[in-house]
Amino acid sequence: MLISGMATLTCAVKRIIGTELPDRFGLILDGWTHASEHYIAVYARYEVGGVIKTPPAL
């Protein structure tokens, strides 16, 4: 149940961001390590109506 809910939420967020994301945008890459685990996040940054937006990582 939790996994299907997470998948549904992911699809909804992708759809919303996809309709708003312009042709030109920037990417922010962030990575870190904790103990022996490595993490990476990718963020899109763009402008809509003069407002800079950086939605949560996908």
PDB file of N, CA and C in Angstrom:
ATOM      1  N   MET A   1       0.828  -1.196   0.000  1.00  0.00           N
ATOM      2  CA  MET A   1       0.000   0.000   0.000  1.00  0.00           C
ATOM      3  C   MET A   1       0.871   1.258   0.000  1.00  0.00           C
ATOM      4  N   LEU A   2       1.898   1.287   0.855  1.00  0.00           N
ATOM      5  CA  LEU A   2       2.773   2.455   0.926  1.00  0.00           C
ATOM      6  C   LEU A   2       3.507   2.672  -0.393  1.00  0.00           C
ATOM      7  N   ILE A   3       4.014   1.586  -0.977  1.00  0.00           N
ATOM      8  CA  ILE A   3       4.757   1.697  -2.235  1.00  0.00           C
ATOM      9  C   ILE A   3       3.858   2.229  -3.351  1.00  0.00           C
ATOM     10  N   SER A   4       2.642   1.735  -3.450  1.00  0.00           N
ATOM     11  CA  SER A   4       1.749   2.214  -4.514  1.00  0.00           C
ATOM     12  C   SER A   4       1.375   3.676  -4.290  1.00  0.00           C
ATOM     13  N   GLY A   5       1.219   4.087  -3.033  1.00  0.00           N
ATOM     14  CA  GLY A   5       0.946   5.494  -2.731  1.00  0.00           C
ATOM     15  C   GLY A   5       2.111   6.390  -3.110  1.00  0.00           C
ATOM     16  N   MET A   6       3.333   5.916  -2.847  1.00  0.00           N
ATOM     17  CA  MET A   6       4.525   6.688  -3.214  1.00  0.00           C
ATOM     18  C   MET A   6       4.641   6.800  -4.727  1.00  0.00           C
ATOM     19  N   ALA A   7       4.335   5.726  -5.438  1.00  0.00           N
ATOM     20  CA  ALA A   7       4.389   5.746  -6.902  1.00  0.00           C
ATOM     21  C   ALA A   7       3.355   6.716  -7.467  1.00  0.00           C
ATOM     22  N   THR A   8       2.166   6.728  -6.902  1.00  0.00           N
ATOM     23  CA  THR A   8       1.116   7.649  -7.344  1.00  0.00           C
ATOM     24  C   THR A   8       1.529   9.095  -7.110  1.00  0.00           C
ATOM     25  N   LEU A   9       2.097   9.371  -5.944  1.00  0.00           N
ATOM     26  CA  LEU A   9       2.559  10.725  -5.631  1.00  0.00           C
ATOM     27  C   LEU A   9       3.676  11.151  -6.574  1.00  0.00           C
ATOM     28  N   THR A  10       4.619  10.246  -6.847  1.00  0.00           N
ATOM     29  CA  THR A  10       5.724  10.553  -7.762  1.00  0.00           C
ATOM     30  C   THR A  10       5.193  10.920  -9.146  1.00  0.00           C
ATOM     31  N   CYS A  11       4.243  10.170  -9.655  1.00  0.00           N
ATOM     32  CA  CYS A  11       3.653  10.465 -10.972  1.00  0.00           C
ATOM     33  C   CYS A  11       2.967  11.823 -10.983  1.00  0.00           C
ATOM     34  N   ALA A  12       2.254  12.144  -9.917  1.00  0.00           N
ATOM     35  CA  ALA A  12       1.560  13.432  -9.841  1.00  0.00           C
ATOM     36  C   ALA A  12       2.551  14.586  -9.823  1.00  0.00           C
ATOM     37  N   VAL A  13       3.625  14.460  -9.047  1.00  0.00           N
ATOM     38  CA  VAL A  13       4.638  15.521  -8.972  1.00  0.00           C
ATOM     39  C   VAL A  13       5.325  15.688 -10.321  1.00  0.00           C
ATOM     40  N   LYS A  14       5.670  14.599 -10.979  1.00  0.00           N
ATOM     41  CA  LYS A  14       6.303  14.679 -12.304  1.00  0.00           C
ATOM     42  C   LYS A  14       5.389  15.385 -13.301  1.00  0.00           C
ATOM     43  N   ARG A  15       4.102  15.079 -13.247  1.00  0.00           N
ATOM     44  CA  ARG A  15       3.144  15.697 -14.173  1.00  0.00           C
ATOM     45  C   ARG A  15       3.052  17.203 -13.926  1.00  0.00           C
ATOM     46  N   ILE A  16       2.978  17.602 -12.667  1.00  0.00           N
ATOM     47  CA  ILE A  16       2.869  19.025 -12.323  1.00  0.00           C
ATOM     48  C   ILE A  16       4.123  19.776 -12.747  1.00  0.00           C
ATOM     49  N   ILE A  17       5.286  19.242 -12.411  1.00  0.00           N
ATOM     50  CA  ILE A  17       6.543  19.910 -12.767  1.00  0.00           C
ATOM     51  C   ILE A  17       6.723  19.907 -14.279  1.00  0.00           C
ATOM     52  N   GLY A  18       6.356  18.818 -14.938  1.00  0.00           N
ATOM     53  CA  GLY A  18       6.494  18.729 -16.389  1.00  0.00           C
ATOM     54  C   GLY A  18       5.671  19.762 -17.134  1.00  0.00           C
ATOM     55  N   THR A  19       4.511  20.117 -16.605  1.00  0.00           N
ATOM     56  CA  THR A  19       3.688  21.125 -17.272  1.00  0.00           C
ATOM     57  C   THR A  19       4.237  22.530 -17.047  1.00  0.00           C
ATOM     58  N   GLU A  20       5.004  22.726 -15.975  1.00  0.00           N
ATOM     59  CA  GLU A  20       5.520  24.050 -15.643  1.00  0.00           C
ATOM     60  C   GLU A  20       6.949  24.273 -16.134  1.00  0.00           C
ATOM     61  N   LEU A  21       7.723  23.211 -16.300  1.00  0.00           N
ATOM     62  CA  LEU A  21       9.141  23.323 -16.640  1.00  0.00           C
ATOM     63  C   LEU A  21       9.318  23.937 -18.027  1.00  0.00           C
ATOM     64  N   PRO A  22      10.052  25.044 -18.126  1.00  0.00           N
ATOM     65  CA  PRO A  22      10.256  25.693 -19.425  1.00  0.00           C
ATOM     66  C   PRO A  22      11.305  24.947 -20.254  1.00  0.00           C
ATOM     67  N   ASP A  23      11.497  25.403 -21.491  1.00  0.00           N
ATOM     68  CA  ASP A  23      12.498  24.788 -22.361  1.00  0.00           C
ATOM     69  C   ASP A  23      13.912  24.986 -21.823  1.00  0.00           C
ATOM     70  N   ARG A  24      14.142  26.107 -21.163  1.00  0.00           N
ATOM     71  CA  ARG A  24      15.470  26.399 -20.602  1.00  0.00           C
ATOM     72  C   ARG A  24      15.398  26.326 -19.082  1.00  0.00           C
ATOM     73  N   PHE A  25      16.285  25.535 -18.505  1.00  0.00           N
ATOM     74  CA  PHE A  25      16.344  25.408 -17.051  1.00  0.00           C
ATOM     75  C   PHE A  25      17.747  24.963 -16.662  1.00  0.00           C
ATOM     76  N   GLY A  26      18.071  25.112 -15.408  1.00  0.00           N
ATOM     77  CA  GLY A  26      19.376  24.694 -14.903  1.00  0.00           C
ATOM     78  C   GLY A  26      19.227  23.493 -13.988  1.00  0.00           C
ATOM     79  N   LEU A  27      20.337  22.772 -13.810  1.00  0.00           N
ATOM     80  CA  LEU A  27      20.354  21.636 -12.897  1.00  0.00           C
ATOM     81  C   LEU A  27      21.317  21.916 -11.758  1.00  0.00           C
ATOM     82  N   ILE A  28      20.928  21.539 -10.568  1.00  0.00           N
ATOM     83  CA  ILE A  28      21.784  21.639  -9.393  1.00  0.00           C
ATOM     84  C   ILE A  28      22.053  20.210  -8.938  1.00  0.00           C
ATOM     85  N   LEU A  29      23.326  19.846  -8.827  1.00  0.00           N
ATOM     86  CA  LEU A  29      23.714  18.517  -8.369  1.00  0.00           C
ATOM     87  C   LEU A  29      24.267  18.636  -6.962  1.00  0.00           C
ATOM     88  N   ASP A  30      23.797  17.791  -6.072  1.00  0.00           N
ATOM     89  CA  ASP A  30      24.251  17.807  -4.684  1.00  0.00           C
ATOM     90  C   ASP A  30      24.557  16.376  -4.276  1.00  0.00           C
ATOM     91  N   GLY A  31      25.709  16.169  -3.687  1.00  0.00           N
ATOM     92  CA  GLY A  31      26.074  14.832  -3.242  1.00  0.00           C
ATOM     93  C   GLY A  31      26.724  14.883  -1.877  1.00  0.00           C
ATOM     94  N   TRP A  32      26.559  13.835  -1.104  1.00  0.00           N
ATOM     95  CA  TRP A  32      27.179  13.766   0.211  1.00  0.00           C
ATOM     96  C   TRP A  32      27.334  12.307   0.610  1.00  0.00           C
ATOM     97  N   THR A  33      28.186  12.097   1.608  1.00  0.00           N
ATOM     98  CA  THR A  33      28.444  10.761   2.134  1.00  0.00           C
ATOM     99  C   THR A  33      28.205  10.768   3.628  1.00  0.00           C
ATOM    100  N   HIS A  34      27.570   9.729   4.110  1.00  0.00           N
ATOM    101  CA  HIS A  34      27.397   9.527   5.550  1.00  0.00           C
ATOM    102  C   HIS A  34      27.855   8.104   5.847  1.00  0.00           C
ATOM    103  N   ALA A  35      28.908   8.001   6.661  1.00  0.00           N
ATOM    104  CA  ALA A  35      29.524   6.700   6.940  1.00  0.00           C
ATOM    105  C   ALA A  35      29.930   6.084   5.599  1.00  0.00           C
ATOM    106  N   SER A  36      29.391   4.939   5.241  1.00  0.00           N
ATOM    107  CA  SER A  36      29.761   4.318   3.963  1.00  0.00           C
ATOM    108  C   SER A  36      28.653   4.447   2.920  1.00  0.00           C
ATOM    109  N   GLU A  37      27.645   5.257   3.198  1.00  0.00           N
ATOM    110  CA  GLU A  37      26.545   5.442   2.255  1.00  0.00           C
ATOM    111  C   GLU A  37      26.718   6.750   1.494  1.00  0.00           C
ATOM    112  N   HIS A  38      26.484   6.695   0.190  1.00  0.00           N
ATOM    113  CA  HIS A  38      26.628   7.857  -0.681  1.00  0.00           C
ATOM    114  C   HIS A  38      25.255   8.263  -1.202  1.00  0.00           C
ATOM    115  N   TYR A  39      25.010   9.555  -1.236  1.00  0.00           N
ATOM    116  CA  TYR A  39      23.722  10.089  -1.674  1.00  0.00           C
ATOM    117  C   TYR A  39      23.950  11.137  -2.752  1.00  0.00           C
ATOM    118  N   ILE A  40      23.000  11.249  -3.675  1.00  0.00           N
ATOM    119  CA  ILE A  40      23.055  12.304  -4.684  1.00  0.00           C
ATOM    120  C   ILE A  40      21.626  12.799  -4.931  1.00  0.00           C
ATOM    121  N   ALA A  41      21.514  14.090  -5.134  1.00  0.00           N
ATOM    122  CA  ALA A  41      20.215  14.694  -5.441  1.00  0.00           C
ATOM    123  C   ALA A  41      20.376  15.567  -6.677  1.00  0.00           C
ATOM    124  N   VAL A  42      19.363  15.603  -7.500  1.00  0.00           N
ATOM    125  CA  VAL A  42      19.358  16.434  -8.703  1.00  0.00           C
ATOM    126  C   VAL A  42      18.132  17.338  -8.623  1.00  0.00           C
ATOM    127  N   TYR A  43      18.371  18.633  -8.722  1.00  0.00           N
ATOM    128  CA  TYR A  43      17.303  19.624  -8.651  1.00  0.00           C
ATOM    129  C   TYR A  43      17.248  20.388  -9.966  1.00  0.00           C
ATOM    130  N   ALA A  44      16.059  20.746 -10.409  1.00  0.00           N
ATOM    131  CA  ALA A  44      15.894  21.646 -11.547  1.00  0.00           C
ATOM    132  C   ALA A  44      15.622  23.039 -10.984  1.00  0.00           C
ATOM    133  N   ARG A  45      16.202  24.039 -11.625  1.00  0.00           N
ATOM    134  CA  ARG A  45      15.966  25.424 -11.210  1.00  0.00           C
ATOM    135  C   ARG A  45      15.545  26.208 -12.443  1.00  0.00           C
ATOM    136  N   TYR A  46      14.449  26.951 -12.316  1.00  0.00           N
ATOM    137  CA  TYR A  46      13.924  27.683 -13.463  1.00  0.00           C
ATOM    138  C   TYR A  46      13.125  28.882 -12.988  1.00  0.00           C
ATOM    139  N   GLU A  47      12.747  29.704 -13.940  1.00  0.00           N
ATOM    140  CA  GLU A  47      12.009  30.931 -13.632  1.00  0.00           C
ATOM    141  C   GLU A  47      10.626  30.875 -14.272  1.00  0.00           C
ATOM    142  N   VAL A  48       9.609  31.235 -13.498  1.00  0.00           N
ATOM    143  CA  VAL A  48       8.233  31.313 -14.003  1.00  0.00           C
ATOM    144  C   VAL A  48       7.673  32.658 -13.573  1.00  0.00           C
ATOM    145  N   GLY A  49       7.380  33.501 -14.536  1.00  0.00           N
ATOM    146  CA  GLY A  49       6.814  34.813 -14.230  1.00  0.00           C
ATOM    147  C   GLY A  49       7.711  35.663 -13.345  1.00  0.00           C
ATOM    148  N   GLY A  50       9.023  35.570 -13.542  1.00  0.00           N
ATOM    149  CA  GLY A  50       9.967  36.359 -12.753  1.00  0.00           C
ATOM    150  C   GLY A  50      10.292  35.769 -11.390  1.00  0.00           C
ATOM    151  N   VAL A  51       9.736  34.610 -11.069  1.00  0.00           N
ATOM    152  CA  VAL A  51       9.976  33.964  -9.774  1.00  0.00           C
ATOM    153  C   VAL A  51      10.844  32.726  -9.994  1.00  0.00           C
ATOM    154  N   ILE A  52      11.976  32.653  -9.274  1.00  0.00           N
ATOM    155  CA  ILE A  52      12.860  31.494  -9.356  1.00  0.00           C
ATOM    156  C   ILE A  52      12.230  30.333  -8.592  1.00  0.00           C
ATOM    157  N   LYS A  53      12.198  29.165  -9.225  1.00  0.00           N
ATOM    158  CA  LYS A  53      11.623  27.979  -8.589  1.00  0.00           C
ATOM    159  C   LYS A  53      12.656  26.861  -8.564  1.00  0.00           C
ATOM    160  N   THR A  54      12.715  26.165  -7.452  1.00  0.00           N
ATOM    161  CA  THR A  54      13.544  24.974  -7.296  1.00  0.00           C
ATOM    162  C   THR A  54      12.684  23.924  -6.595  1.00  0.00           C
ATOM    163  N   PRO A  55      11.946  23.112  -7.372  1.00  0.00           N
ATOM    164  CA  PRO A  55      11.077  22.117  -6.738  1.00  0.00           C
ATOM    165  C   PRO A  55      11.894  21.022  -6.066  1.00  0.00           C
ATOM    166  N   PRO A  56      11.270  20.218  -5.218  1.00  0.00           N
ATOM    167  CA  PRO A  56      11.980  19.116  -4.556  1.00  0.00           C
ATOM    168  C   PRO A  56      12.627  18.180  -5.566  1.00  0.00           C
ATOM    169  N   ALA A  57      13.653  17.473  -5.106  1.00  0.00           N
ATOM    170  CA  ALA A  57      14.368  16.533  -5.973  1.00  0.00           C
ATOM    171  C   ALA A  57      13.435  15.461  -6.509  1.00  0.00           C
ATOM    172  N   LEU A  58      13.764  15.020  -7.793  1.00  0.00           N
ATOM    173  CA  LEU A  58      12.957  13.983  -8.424  1.00  0.00           C
ATOM    174  C   LEU A  58      13.672  12.670  -8.351  1.00  0.00           C
TER     175      LEU A  58
END
